[in-house]
PDB file of N, CA and C in Angstrom:
ATOM      1  N   UNK A   1     129.777  84.653 136.101  1.00  0.00           N
ATOM      2  CA  UNK A   1     128.668  85.549 136.711  1.00  0.00           C
ATOM      3  C   UNK A   1     128.848  86.839 136.532  1.00  0.00           C
ATOM      4  N   UNK A   2     127.687  87.453 136.225  1.00  0.00           N
ATOM      5  CA  UNK A   2     127.917  88.899 136.014  1.00  0.00           C
ATOM      6  C   UNK A   2     128.159  89.850 137.131  1.00  0.00           C
ATOM      7  N   UNK A   3     128.773  91.138 137.024  1.00  0.00           N
ATOM      8  CA  UNK A   3     128.760  91.879 138.351  1.00  0.00           C
ATOM      9  C   UNK A   3     127.786  92.423 138.662  1.00  0.00           C
ATOM     10  N   UNK A   4     126.836  92.906 137.896  1.00  0.00           N
ATOM     11  CA  UNK A   4     125.263  93.320 138.339  1.00  0.00           C
ATOM     12  C   UNK A   4     124.770  92.497 139.260  1.00  0.00           C
ATOM     13  N   UNK A   5     124.795  91.137 139.047  1.00  0.00           N
ATOM     14  CA  UNK A   5     124.097  89.913 139.835  1.00  0.00           C
ATOM     15  C   UNK A   5     124.541  89.704 141.171  1.00  0.00           C
ATOM     16  N   UNK A   6     125.852  90.752 141.376  1.00  0.00           N
ATOM     17  CA  UNK A   6     126.301  90.271 142.595  1.00  0.00           C
ATOM     18  C   UNK A   6     125.672  90.919 143.793  1.00  0.00           C
ATOM     19  N   UNK A   7     125.018  90.378 144.934  1.00  0.00           N
ATOM     20  CA  UNK A   7     124.580  90.846 145.830  1.00  0.00           C
ATOM     21  C   UNK A   7     125.276  92.465 146.329  1.00  0.00           C
ATOM     22  N   UNK A   8     123.940  93.255 146.380  1.00  0.00           N
ATOM     23  CA  UNK A   8     124.513  94.721 147.094  1.00  0.00           C
ATOM     24  C   UNK A   8     124.604  95.649 145.983  1.00  0.00           C
ATOM     25  N   UNK A   9     124.821  95.075 144.965  1.00  0.00           N
ATOM     26  CA  UNK A   9     125.373  95.658 143.692  1.00  0.00           C
ATOM     27  C   UNK A   9     124.670  97.087 143.389  1.00  0.00           C
ATOM     28  N   UNK A  10     123.024  96.665 143.488  1.00  0.00           N
ATOM     29  CA  UNK A  10     122.175  97.972 143.086  1.00  0.00           C
ATOM     30  C   UNK A  10     122.448  99.251 144.372  1.00  0.00           C
ATOM     31  N   UNK A  11     122.514  98.375 145.290  1.00  0.00           N
ATOM     32  CA  UNK A  11     122.691  99.586 146.602  1.00  0.00           C
ATOM     33  C   UNK A  11     124.043 100.318 146.609  1.00  0.00           C
ATOM     34  N   UNK A  12     125.477  99.714 146.130  1.00  0.00           N
ATOM     35  CA  UNK A  12     126.354 100.446 145.799  1.00  0.00           C
ATOM     36  C   UNK A  12     125.946 101.432 144.655  1.00  0.00           C
ATOM     37  N   UNK A  13     125.756 100.899 143.366  1.00  0.00           N
ATOM     38  CA  UNK A  13     125.575 101.729 142.751  1.00  0.00           C
ATOM     39  C   UNK A  13     124.472 103.120 142.834  1.00  0.00           C
ATOM     40  N   UNK A  14     123.654 102.885 143.414  1.00  0.00           N
ATOM     41  CA  UNK A  14     122.640 104.028 144.013  1.00  0.00           C
ATOM     42  C   UNK A  14     123.466 104.908 144.965  1.00  0.00           C
ATOM     43  N   UNK A  15     124.274 104.371 145.779  1.00  0.00           N
ATOM     44  CA  UNK A  15     125.089 105.207 146.562  1.00  0.00           C
ATOM     45  C   UNK A  15     126.024 105.782 146.150  1.00  0.00           C
ATOM     46  N   UNK A  16     126.688 105.475 145.129  1.00  0.00           N
ATOM     47  CA  UNK A  16     127.899 106.131 144.164  1.00  0.00           C
ATOM     48  C   UNK A  16     127.263 107.283 143.080  1.00  0.00           C
ATOM     49  N   UNK A  17     126.094 107.012 143.036  1.00  0.00           N
ATOM     50  CA  UNK A  17     125.187 107.972 141.660  1.00  0.00           C
ATOM     51  C   UNK A  17     124.900 108.853 142.480  1.00  0.00           C
ATOM     52  N   UNK A  18     124.307 108.637 143.921  1.00  0.00           N
ATOM     53  CA  UNK A  18     124.028 109.848 144.641  1.00  0.00           C
ATOM     54  C   UNK A  18     124.917 110.902 145.140  1.00  0.00           C
ATOM     55  N   UNK A  19     126.372 110.469 144.900  1.00  0.00           N
ATOM     56  CA  UNK A  19     127.661 111.323 145.039  1.00  0.00           C
ATOM     57  C   UNK A  19     127.921 111.971 143.848  1.00  0.00           C
ATOM     58  N   UNK A  20     127.499 111.961 142.660  1.00  0.00           N
ATOM     59  CA  UNK A  20     127.684 112.793 141.678  1.00  0.00           C
ATOM     60  C   UNK A  20     126.523 113.720 141.382  1.00  0.00           C
ATOM     61  N   UNK A  21     126.923 114.736 140.885  1.00  0.00           N
ATOM     62  CA  UNK A  21     126.173 115.852 140.541  1.00  0.00           C
ATOM     63  C   UNK A  21     125.372 115.490 139.323  1.00  0.00           C
ATOM     64  N   UNK A  22     123.806 115.759 139.311  1.00  0.00           N
ATOM     65  CA  UNK A  22     122.983 115.388 138.665  1.00  0.00           C
ATOM     66  C   UNK A  22     123.654 115.194 136.959  1.00  0.00           C
ATOM     67  N   UNK A  23     124.069 116.795 136.886  1.00  0.00           N
ATOM     68  CA  UNK A  23     124.668 117.353 135.320  1.00  0.00           C
ATOM     69  C   UNK A  23     125.791 116.053 134.724  1.00  0.00           C
ATOM     70  N   UNK A  24     126.515 115.681 135.790  1.00  0.00           N
ATOM     71  CA  UNK A  24     127.321 114.679 135.320  1.00  0.00           C
ATOM     72  C   UNK A  24     126.813 113.408 134.933  1.00  0.00           C
ATOM     73  N   UNK A  25     125.971 112.808 135.586  1.00  0.00           N
ATOM     74  CA  UNK A  25     125.306 111.452 135.538  1.00  0.00           C
ATOM     75  C   UNK A  25     124.454 111.667 133.970  1.00  0.00           C
ATOM     76  N   UNK A  26     123.728 113.093 134.121  1.00  0.00           N
ATOM     77  CA  UNK A  26     122.823 113.172 132.703  1.00  0.00           C
ATOM     78  C   UNK A  26     123.399 113.299 131.306  1.00  0.00           C
ATOM     79  N   UNK A  27     124.765 113.662 131.576  1.00  0.00           N
ATOM     80  CA  UNK A  27     126.003 113.859 130.536  1.00  0.00           C
ATOM     81  C   UNK A  27     126.029 112.666 129.753  1.00  0.00           C
ATOM     82  N   UNK A  28     126.092 111.478 130.468  1.00  0.00           N
ATOM     83  CA  UNK A  28     126.185 110.369 129.745  1.00  0.00           C
ATOM     84  C   UNK A  28     124.682 109.794 128.743  1.00  0.00           C
ATOM     85  N   UNK A  29     123.898 110.352 129.006  1.00  0.00           N
ATOM     86  CA  UNK A  29     122.555 110.075 128.113  1.00  0.00           C
ATOM     87  C   UNK A  29     122.173 111.281 127.098  1.00  0.00           C
ATOM     88  N   UNK A  30     121.517 110.677 126.318  1.00  0.00           N
ATOM     89  CA  UNK A  30     120.758 111.413 125.139  1.00  0.00           C
ATOM     90  C   UNK A  30     119.897 111.770 125.519  1.00  0.00           C
ATOM     91  N   UNK A  31     119.304 113.471 124.850  1.00  0.00           N
ATOM     92  CA  UNK A  31     118.533 113.982 125.506  1.00  0.00           C
ATOM     93  C   UNK A  31     117.014 113.286 125.238  1.00  0.00           C
ATOM     94  N   UNK A  32     116.742 112.099 124.317  1.00  0.00           N
ATOM     95  CA  UNK A  32     116.054 111.613 124.517  1.00  0.00           C
ATOM     96  C   UNK A  32     115.323 110.598 125.533  1.00  0.00           C
ATOM     97  N   UNK A  33     116.713 110.448 125.915  1.00  0.00           N
ATOM     98  CA  UNK A  33     116.922 109.340 127.210  1.00  0.00           C
ATOM     99  C   UNK A  33     116.344 110.214 128.447  1.00  0.00           C
ATOM    100  N   UNK A  34     116.821 111.136 128.340  1.00  0.00           N
ATOM    101  CA  UNK A  34     116.800 112.177 129.813  1.00  0.00           C
ATOM    102  C   UNK A  34     115.151 112.041 130.064  1.00  0.00           C
ATOM    103  N   UNK A  35     114.541 112.464 129.088  1.00  0.00           N
ATOM    104  CA  UNK A  35     113.245 113.163 128.837  1.00  0.00           C
ATOM    105  C   UNK A  35     112.227 111.866 128.806  1.00  0.00           C
ATOM    106  N   UNK A  36     112.532 110.500 128.741  1.00  0.00           N
ATOM    107  CA  UNK A  36     111.519 109.575 128.456  1.00  0.00           C
ATOM    108  C   UNK A  36     111.221 108.956 129.673  1.00  0.00           C
ATOM    109  N   UNK A  37     109.853 108.973 129.509  1.00  0.00           N
ATOM    110  CA  UNK A  37     108.696 108.704 130.488  1.00  0.00           C
ATOM    111  C   UNK A  37     108.322 110.012 131.160  1.00  0.00           C
ATOM    112  N   UNK A  38     108.821 110.945 130.881  1.00  0.00           N
ATOM    113  CA  UNK A  38     108.033 112.218 131.310  1.00  0.00           C
ATOM    114  C   UNK A  38     106.942 112.874 130.622  1.00  0.00           C
ATOM    115  N   UNK A  39     105.791 113.297 130.951  1.00  0.00           N
ATOM    116  CA  UNK A  39     104.762 113.846 130.267  1.00  0.00           C
ATOM    117  C   UNK A  39     105.284 115.122 129.514  1.00  0.00           C
ATOM    118  N   UNK A  40     104.205 115.359 128.463  1.00  0.00           N
ATOM    119  CA  UNK A  40     104.832 116.506 127.775  1.00  0.00           C
ATOM    120  C   UNK A  40     104.526 117.938 128.403  1.00  0.00           C
ATOM    121  N   UNK A  41     104.116 118.035 129.423  1.00  0.00           N
ATOM    122  CA  UNK A  41     103.816 119.371 130.625  1.00  0.00           C
ATOM    123  C   UNK A  41     105.153 119.253 131.283  1.00  0.00           C
ATOM    124  N   UNK A  42     105.366 118.177 131.655  1.00  0.00           N
ATOM    125  CA  UNK A  42     107.020 118.444 132.432  1.00  0.00           C
ATOM    126  C   UNK A  42     107.653 118.416 131.389  1.00  0.00           C
ATOM    127  N   UNK A  43     108.143 117.918 130.210  1.00  0.00           N
ATOM    128  CA  UNK A  43     109.207 118.352 129.161  1.00  0.00           C
ATOM    129  C   UNK A  43     109.074 119.813 129.183  1.00  0.00           C
ATOM    130  N   UNK A  44     107.972 120.262 129.059  1.00  0.00           N
ATOM    131  CA  UNK A  44     108.082 121.676 128.584  1.00  0.00           C
ATOM    132  C   UNK A  44     108.151 122.555 129.915  1.00  0.00           C
ATOM    133  N   UNK A  45     108.156 122.694 131.017  1.00  0.00           N
ATOM    134  CA  UNK A  45     107.625 123.322 132.383  1.00  0.00           C
ATOM    135  C   UNK A  45     109.181 123.782 132.220  1.00  0.00           C
ATOM    136  N   UNK A  46     108.688 125.287 132.612  1.00  0.00           N
ATOM    137  CA  UNK A  46     110.127 126.373 132.764  1.00  0.00           C
ATOM    138  C   UNK A  46     110.322 127.089 131.145  1.00  0.00           C
ATOM    139  N   UNK A  47     109.861 126.468 130.210  1.00  0.00           N
ATOM    140  CA  UNK A  47     110.034 127.124 128.887  1.00  0.00           C
ATOM    141  C   UNK A  47     108.925 128.256 128.496  1.00  0.00           C
ATOM    142  N   UNK A  48     109.315 129.263 128.146  1.00  0.00           N
ATOM    143  CA  UNK A  48     108.755 130.382 127.802  1.00  0.00           C
ATOM    144  C   UNK A  48     107.781 129.885 126.462  1.00  0.00           C
ATOM    145  N   UNK A  49     106.733 130.487 126.075  1.00  0.00           N
ATOM    146  CA  UNK A  49     105.750 130.251 125.093  1.00  0.00           C
ATOM    147  C   UNK A  49     106.432 129.879 123.902  1.00  0.00           C
ATOM    148  N   UNK A  50     107.081 131.426 123.267  1.00  0.00           N
ATOM    149  CA  UNK A  50     108.023 131.111 122.068  1.00  0.00           C
ATOM    150  C   UNK A  50     109.215 129.767 121.635  1.00  0.00           C
ATOM    151  N   UNK A  51     109.483 129.587 122.919  1.00  0.00           N
ATOM    152  CA  UNK A  51     110.500 128.353 123.218  1.00  0.00           C
ATOM    153  C   UNK A  51     109.745 126.980 122.773  1.00  0.00           C
ATOM    154  N   UNK A  52     108.709 126.936 123.678  1.00  0.00           N
ATOM    155  CA  UNK A  52     107.754 125.650 123.253  1.00  0.00           C
ATOM    156  C   UNK A  52     107.503 125.350 121.604  1.00  0.00           C
ATOM    157  N   UNK A  53     107.359 126.535 121.048  1.00  0.00           N
ATOM    158  CA  UNK A  53     106.892 126.444 119.786  1.00  0.00           C
ATOM    159  C   UNK A  53     107.985 126.263 118.578  1.00  0.00           C
ATOM    160  N   UNK A  54     109.209 126.552 119.244  1.00  0.00           N
ATOM    161  CA  UNK A  54     110.569 126.752 118.588  1.00  0.00           C
ATOM    162  C   UNK A  54     110.729 125.456 117.684  1.00  0.00           C
ATOM    163  N   UNK A  55     111.452 125.783 116.288  1.00  0.00           N
ATOM    164  CA  UNK A  55     111.705 124.695 115.611  1.00  0.00           C
ATOM    165  C   UNK A  55     110.300 124.084 114.838  1.00  0.00           C
ATOM    166  N   UNK A  56     109.017 124.550 115.135  1.00  0.00           N
ATOM    167  CA  UNK A  56     107.635 124.477 114.227  1.00  0.00           C
ATOM    168  C   UNK A  56     107.537 124.853 113.122  1.00  0.00           C
ATOM    169  N   UNK A  57     107.178 124.559 111.948  1.00  0.00           N
ATOM    170  CA  UNK A  57     106.886 125.204 110.748  1.00  0.00           C
ATOM    171  C   UNK A  57     105.301 126.091 111.165  1.00  0.00           C
ATOM    172  N   UNK A  58     105.164 127.157 110.497  1.00  0.00           N
ATOM    173  CA  UNK A  58     103.699 127.766 110.696  1.00  0.00           C
ATOM    174  C   UNK A  58     102.697 126.556 110.920  1.00  0.00           C
ATOM    175  N   UNK A  59     102.629 125.754 110.089  1.00  0.00           N
ATOM    176  CA  UNK A  59     101.833 125.156 109.889  1.00  0.00           C
ATOM    177  C   UNK A  59     101.257 124.316 111.076  1.00  0.00           C
ATOM    178  N   UNK A  60     102.496 123.781 111.729  1.00  0.00           N
ATOM    179  CA  UNK A  60     102.168 123.322 113.167  1.00  0.00           C
ATOM    180  C   UNK A  60     102.105 123.924 114.198  1.00  0.00           C
ATOM    181  N   UNK A  61     102.977 125.407 113.968  1.00  0.00           N
ATOM    182  CA  UNK A  61     102.385 126.215 114.942  1.00  0.00           C
ATOM    183  C   UNK A  61     101.055 126.586 115.023  1.00  0.00           C
ATOM    184  N   UNK A  62     100.248 126.350 114.184  1.00  0.00           N
ATOM    185  CA  UNK A  62      98.802 126.489 114.366  1.00  0.00           C
ATOM    186  C   UNK A  62      98.025 125.401 114.699  1.00  0.00           C
ATOM    187  N   UNK A  63      98.297 124.249 114.699  1.00  0.00           N
ATOM    188  CA  UNK A  63      97.635 123.358 115.503  1.00  0.00           C
ATOM    189  C   UNK A  63      98.067 123.235 116.880  1.00  0.00           C
ATOM    190  N   UNK A  64      99.178 124.280 117.497  1.00  0.00           N
ATOM    191  CA  UNK A  64      99.071 124.487 118.680  1.00  0.00           C
ATOM    192  C   UNK A  64      98.016 125.333 119.690  1.00  0.00           C
ATOM    193  N   UNK A  65      97.559 126.025 118.975  1.00  0.00           N
ATOM    194  CA  UNK A  65      96.478 127.059 118.867  1.00  0.00           C
ATOM    195  C   UNK A  65      95.097 126.473 119.346  1.00  0.00           C
ATOM    196  N   UNK A  66      94.593 127.240 120.313  1.00  0.00           N
ATOM    197  CA  UNK A  66      93.685 126.054 121.368  1.00  0.00           C
ATOM    198  C   UNK A  66      92.253 126.746 120.538  1.00  0.00           C
ATOM    199  N   UNK A  67      91.268 125.767 120.434  1.00  0.00           N
ATOM    200  CA  UNK A  67      90.048 125.870 119.575  1.00  0.00           C
ATOM    201  C   UNK A  67      89.484 127.374 119.203  1.00  0.00           C
ATOM    202  N   UNK A  68      89.654 127.881 120.378  1.00  0.00           N
ATOM    203  CA  UNK A  68      88.693 129.552 120.465  1.00  0.00           C
ATOM    204  C   UNK A  68      89.388 130.490 119.533  1.00  0.00           C
ATOM    205  N   UNK A  69      90.966 130.087 119.226  1.00  0.00           N
ATOM    206  CA  UNK A  69      91.800 131.097 118.136  1.00  0.00           C
ATOM    207  C   UNK A  69      91.381 130.431 116.820  1.00  0.00           C
ATOM    208  N   UNK A  70      91.854 129.235 116.926  1.00  0.00           N
ATOM    209  CA  UNK A  70      91.278 128.810 115.634  1.00  0.00           C
ATOM    210  C   UNK A  70      90.252 129.331 114.938  1.00  0.00           C
ATOM    211  N   UNK A  71      88.864 129.359 115.649  1.00  0.00           N
ATOM    212  CA  UNK A  71      87.782 129.695 115.345  1.00  0.00           C
ATOM    213  C   UNK A  71      87.766 131.074 114.841  1.00  0.00           C
ATOM    214  N   UNK A  72      88.636 131.653 115.073  1.00  0.00           N
ATOM    215  CA  UNK A  72      88.870 133.220 114.379  1.00  0.00           C
ATOM    216  C   UNK A  72      89.653 133.208 113.149  1.00  0.00           C
ATOM    217  N   UNK A  73      90.556 132.258 112.766  1.00  0.00           N
ATOM    218  CA  UNK A  73      91.296 132.245 111.514  1.00  0.00           C
ATOM    219  C   UNK A  73      90.409 132.348 110.300  1.00  0.00           C
ATOM    220  N   UNK A  74      90.929 133.580 109.470  1.00  0.00           N
ATOM    221  CA  UNK A  74      89.930 133.651 108.293  1.00  0.00           C
ATOM    222  C   UNK A  74      90.093 132.226 107.445  1.00  0.00           C
ATOM    223  N   UNK A  75      89.166 132.339 106.771  1.00  0.00           N
ATOM    224  CA  UNK A  75      89.405 130.877 105.496  1.00  0.00           C
ATOM    225  C   UNK A  75      89.953 130.804 105.126  1.00  0.00           C
ATOM    226  N   UNK A  76      90.593 132.078 104.066  1.00  0.00           N
ATOM    227  CA  UNK A  76      91.792 132.113 103.398  1.00  0.00           C
ATOM    228  C   UNK A  76      93.217 131.341 103.876  1.00  0.00           C
ATOM    229  N   UNK A  77      93.328 131.812 105.351  1.00  0.00           N
ATOM    230  CA  UNK A  77      94.546 131.166 106.023  1.00  0.00           C
ATOM    231  C   UNK A  77      94.661 129.664 106.194  1.00  0.00           C
ATOM    232  N   UNK A  78      93.064 129.071 106.560  1.00  0.00           N
ATOM    233  CA  UNK A  78      93.220 127.726 106.700  1.00  0.00           C
ATOM    234  C   UNK A  78      93.416 127.212 105.575  1.00  0.00           C
ATOM    235  N   UNK A  79      92.921 127.741 104.159  1.00  0.00           N
ATOM    236  CA  UNK A  79      93.286 126.923 103.176  1.00  0.00           C
ATOM    237  C   UNK A  79      95.000 127.154 102.730  1.00  0.00           C
ATOM    238  N   UNK A  80      95.565 127.869 102.780  1.00  0.00           N
ATOM    239  CA  UNK A  80      96.725 128.113 103.089  1.00  0.00           C
ATOM    240  C   UNK A  80      97.651 127.203 103.562  1.00  0.00           C
ATOM    241  N   UNK A  81      97.042 126.354 104.492  1.00  0.00           N
ATOM    242  CA  UNK A  81      97.900 125.202 105.325  1.00  0.00           C
ATOM    243  C   UNK A  81      98.038 124.131 104.486  1.00  0.00           C
ATOM    244  N   UNK A  82      98.962 123.098 104.883  1.00  0.00           N
ATOM    245  CA  UNK A  82      99.141 121.872 104.149  1.00  0.00           C
ATOM    246  C   UNK A  82      97.806 121.309 104.698  1.00  0.00           C
ATOM    247  N   UNK A  83      97.557 120.176 103.502  1.00  0.00           N
ATOM    248  CA  UNK A  83      96.215 119.628 103.125  1.00  0.00           C
ATOM    249  C   UNK A  83      96.224 118.930 104.937  1.00  0.00           C
ATOM    250  N   UNK A  84      96.905 118.295 105.158  1.00  0.00           N
ATOM    251  CA  UNK A  84      96.952 117.568 106.650  1.00  0.00           C
ATOM    252  C   UNK A  84      96.956 118.474 107.895  1.00  0.00           C
ATOM    253  N   UNK A  85      97.101 119.499 107.715  1.00  0.00           N
ATOM    254  CA  UNK A  85      97.050 120.513 109.166  1.00  0.00           C
ATOM    255  C   UNK A  85      95.683 120.875 108.929  1.00  0.00           C
ATOM    256  N   UNK A  86      95.464 121.559 107.505  1.00  0.00           N
ATOM    257  CA  UNK A  86      93.932 122.154 107.458  1.00  0.00           C
ATOM    258  C   UNK A  86      93.058 121.030 107.878  1.00  0.00           C
ATOM    259  N   UNK A  87      92.943 120.054 107.369  1.00  0.00           N
ATOM    260  CA  UNK A  87      91.906 118.590 107.761  1.00  0.00           C
ATOM    261  C   UNK A  87      91.870 118.594 109.344  1.00  0.00           C
ATOM    262  N   UNK A  88      93.133 118.506 109.902  1.00  0.00           N
ATOM    263  CA  UNK A  88      93.295 118.245 111.245  1.00  0.00           C
ATOM    264  C   UNK A  88      92.612 119.494 111.869  1.00  0.00           C
ATOM    265  N   UNK A  89      92.790 120.777 111.740  1.00  0.00           N
ATOM    266  CA  UNK A  89      91.936 121.880 112.267  1.00  0.00           C
ATOM    267  C   UNK A  89      90.393 121.871 111.865  1.00  0.00           C
ATOM    268  N   UNK A  90      89.979 121.634 110.620  1.00  0.00           N
ATOM    269  CA  UNK A  90      88.902 121.660 110.546  1.00  0.00           C
ATOM    270  C   UNK A  90      88.181 120.539 111.271  1.00  0.00           C
ATOM    271  N   UNK A  91      88.801 119.325 111.308  1.00  0.00           N
ATOM    272  CA  UNK A  91      88.049 118.056 112.718  1.00  0.00           C
ATOM    273  C   UNK A  91      87.993 119.012 113.598  1.00  0.00           C
ATOM    274  N   UNK A  92      88.985 119.565 114.281  1.00  0.00           N
ATOM    275  CA  UNK A  92      88.675 119.850 115.609  1.00  0.00           C
ATOM    276  C   UNK A  92      87.565 121.189 115.443  1.00  0.00           C
ATOM    277  N   UNK A  93      87.366 121.962 114.818  1.00  0.00           N
ATOM    278  CA  UNK A  93      86.527 122.626 114.647  1.00  0.00           C
ATOM    279  C   UNK A  93      85.238 122.134 114.371  1.00  0.00           C
ATOM    280  N   UNK A  94      84.743 120.965 113.811  1.00  0.00           N
ATOM    281  CA  UNK A  94      83.405 120.616 113.863  1.00  0.00           C
ATOM    282  C   UNK A  94      83.020 119.956 114.787  1.00  0.00           C
ATOM    283  N   UNK A  95      84.509 119.431 115.624  1.00  0.00           N
ATOM    284  CA  UNK A  95      84.178 118.737 117.047  1.00  0.00           C
ATOM    285  C   UNK A  95      83.559 119.859 118.159  1.00  0.00           C
ATOM    286  N   UNK A  96      83.774 120.875 117.799  1.00  0.00           N
ATOM    287  CA  UNK A  96      83.786 122.049 118.858  1.00  0.00           C
ATOM    288  C   UNK A  96      82.688 122.496 118.430  1.00  0.00           C
ATOM    289  N   UNK A  97      81.644 122.479 117.332  1.00  0.00           N
ATOM    290  CA  UNK A  97      80.638 122.612 116.912  1.00  0.00           C
ATOM    291  C   UNK A  97      80.867 124.102 116.173  1.00  0.00           C
ATOM    292  N   UNK A  98      81.634 124.122 115.124  1.00  0.00           N
ATOM    293  CA  UNK A  98      82.067 125.340 114.314  1.00  0.00           C
ATOM    294  C   UNK A  98      81.806 124.439 112.799  1.00  0.00           C
TER     295      UNK A  98
END
């Protein structure tokens, strides 16, 4: 018989975990596991805009721009993007009437 199958195991573990600081419990999990199940807006909550885009190259930063800003980008800039990013931006612009 497995210990986890014993009656009251879950309740005992819940009580024990409640006594530990969250930082101690979370330290046992990889960042991906800590964030699993959270929608993107909750994952990014509390981060300033410049940190939300940290680690993205300029092409992928452009993908984060709203359509209203994408419409203002010069044609030369759009052509300087990777083909995949340029195609996605042009698709968004077409979808929104440009």
